[in-house]
Protein backbone atom coordinates (compact mmCIF):
# COMPACT_ATOMS: atom_id res chain seq x y z
CA HIS A 1 -23.78 7.48 148.57
CA ALA A 2 -21.64 4.52 149.40
CA LEU A 3 -21.32 3.38 152.98
CA SER A 4 -17.86 4.20 154.30
CA MET A 5 -15.76 1.45 155.84
CA ALA A 6 -13.27 3.89 157.35
CA ASN A 7 -11.26 2.92 160.42
CA THR A 8 -10.67 6.45 161.73
CA LYS A 9 -12.63 9.69 162.01
CA SER A 10 -10.31 11.43 159.57
CA ALA A 11 -10.65 8.62 157.03
CA ALA A 12 -14.44 8.81 157.34
CA LYS A 13 -14.31 12.56 156.72
CA ARG A 14 -12.03 12.06 153.69
CA ALA A 15 -14.54 9.55 152.32
CA ARG A 16 -17.36 12.07 152.74
CA VAL A 17 -15.37 14.89 151.16
CA SER A 18 -14.24 12.66 148.28
CA GLN A 19 -17.83 11.65 147.58
CA ARG A 20 -18.97 15.28 147.65
CA ARG A 21 -16.15 16.35 145.29
CA ARG A 22 -16.92 13.42 142.98
CA ASP A 23 -20.58 14.45 142.74
CA ILE A 24 -19.64 18.07 141.99
CA ASN A 25 -17.04 17.08 139.38
CA LYS A 26 -19.48 14.68 137.74
CA LYS A 27 -22.16 17.38 137.55
CA ARG A 28 -19.76 19.90 136.00
CA GLY A 29 -18.37 17.34 133.57
CA THR A 30 -21.81 16.27 132.44
CA ALA A 31 -22.88 19.91 131.99
CA TYR A 32 -20.02 20.87 129.68
CA LYS A 33 -20.20 17.62 127.70
CA GLN A 34 -23.94 18.04 127.07
CA ALA A 35 -23.44 21.67 126.05
CA GLU A 36 -20.64 20.62 123.69
CA LYS A 37 -22.86 17.98 122.07
CA LYS A 38 -25.72 20.45 121.64
CA PHE A 39 -23.34 23.00 120.07
CA LYS A 40 -21.92 20.43 117.64
CA ALA A 41 -25.44 19.33 116.71
CA LEU A 42 -26.41 22.94 115.92
CA VAL A 43 -23.33 23.35 113.71
CA GLN A 44 -24.04 20.02 111.99
CA GLU A 45 -27.61 21.14 111.23
CA GLY A 46 -26.25 24.34 109.69
CA LYS A 47 -27.75 26.62 112.36
CA LYS A 48 -24.53 28.60 112.73
CA ASP A 49 -26.19 31.79 113.98
CA GLU A 50 -27.89 29.85 116.79
CA ALA A 51 -24.65 28.00 117.50
CA GLY A 52 -22.79 31.32 117.68
CA LYS A 53 -25.12 32.53 120.42
CA PHE A 54 -24.80 29.23 122.27
CA LEU A 55 -20.98 29.21 122.06
CA SER A 56 -20.59 31.62 124.99
CA GLU A 57 -22.70 29.31 127.16
CA VAL A 58 -20.54 26.31 126.26
CA GLN A 59 -17.38 28.32 126.98
CA SER A 60 -18.81 29.35 130.34
CA LYS A 61 -19.46 25.72 131.29
CA LEU A 62 -15.94 24.74 130.23
CA ASP A 63 -14.49 27.60 132.29
CA SER A 64 -16.44 26.62 135.39
CA ALA A 65 -15.31 22.99 135.00
CA ALA A 66 -11.70 24.20 134.75
CA LYS A 67 -12.10 26.60 137.66
CA GLY A 68 -13.32 23.79 139.89
CA SER A 69 -10.52 21.51 138.67
CA SER A 70 -12.96 19.05 137.10
CA ILE A 71 -10.84 19.39 133.97
CA HIS A 72 -7.47 21.03 133.36
CA ARG A 73 -7.53 24.66 132.26
CA ASN A 74 -5.54 23.80 129.12
CA LYS A 75 -8.12 21.18 128.16
CA ALA A 76 -10.87 23.79 128.55
CA SER A 77 -8.89 26.27 126.45
CA ARG A 78 -8.25 23.68 123.73
CA ALA A 79 -11.92 22.67 123.65
CA LYS A 80 -13.04 26.31 123.36
CA ALA A 81 -10.64 26.90 120.47
CA ARG A 82 -11.82 23.79 118.63
CA LEU A 83 -15.48 24.70 119.08
CA ALA A 84 -14.89 28.26 117.87
CA ARG A 85 -13.11 26.86 114.82
CA LEU A 86 -16.24 24.86 113.93
CA LEU A 87 -18.16 28.11 113.37
CA LYS A 88 -15.87 29.26 110.56
């Protein structure tokens, strides 16, 4: 974590909170992106049955990212629709 150069107590707290939120958002973002990549790789390899089972996990990660405001809920919805379309 970066050393805060805040002038006031409240600014120091905001810096701490911002860092904490950034770490959480980064973790959620990484999780859904990795799941998306794995799903697309399964589809590309032709393992559609395996990908179908994994789809719910990807959707769950997208939903949790949207719930925590890491990404917008409409972006999550759009991503889920596009991934589901890949299975057809």
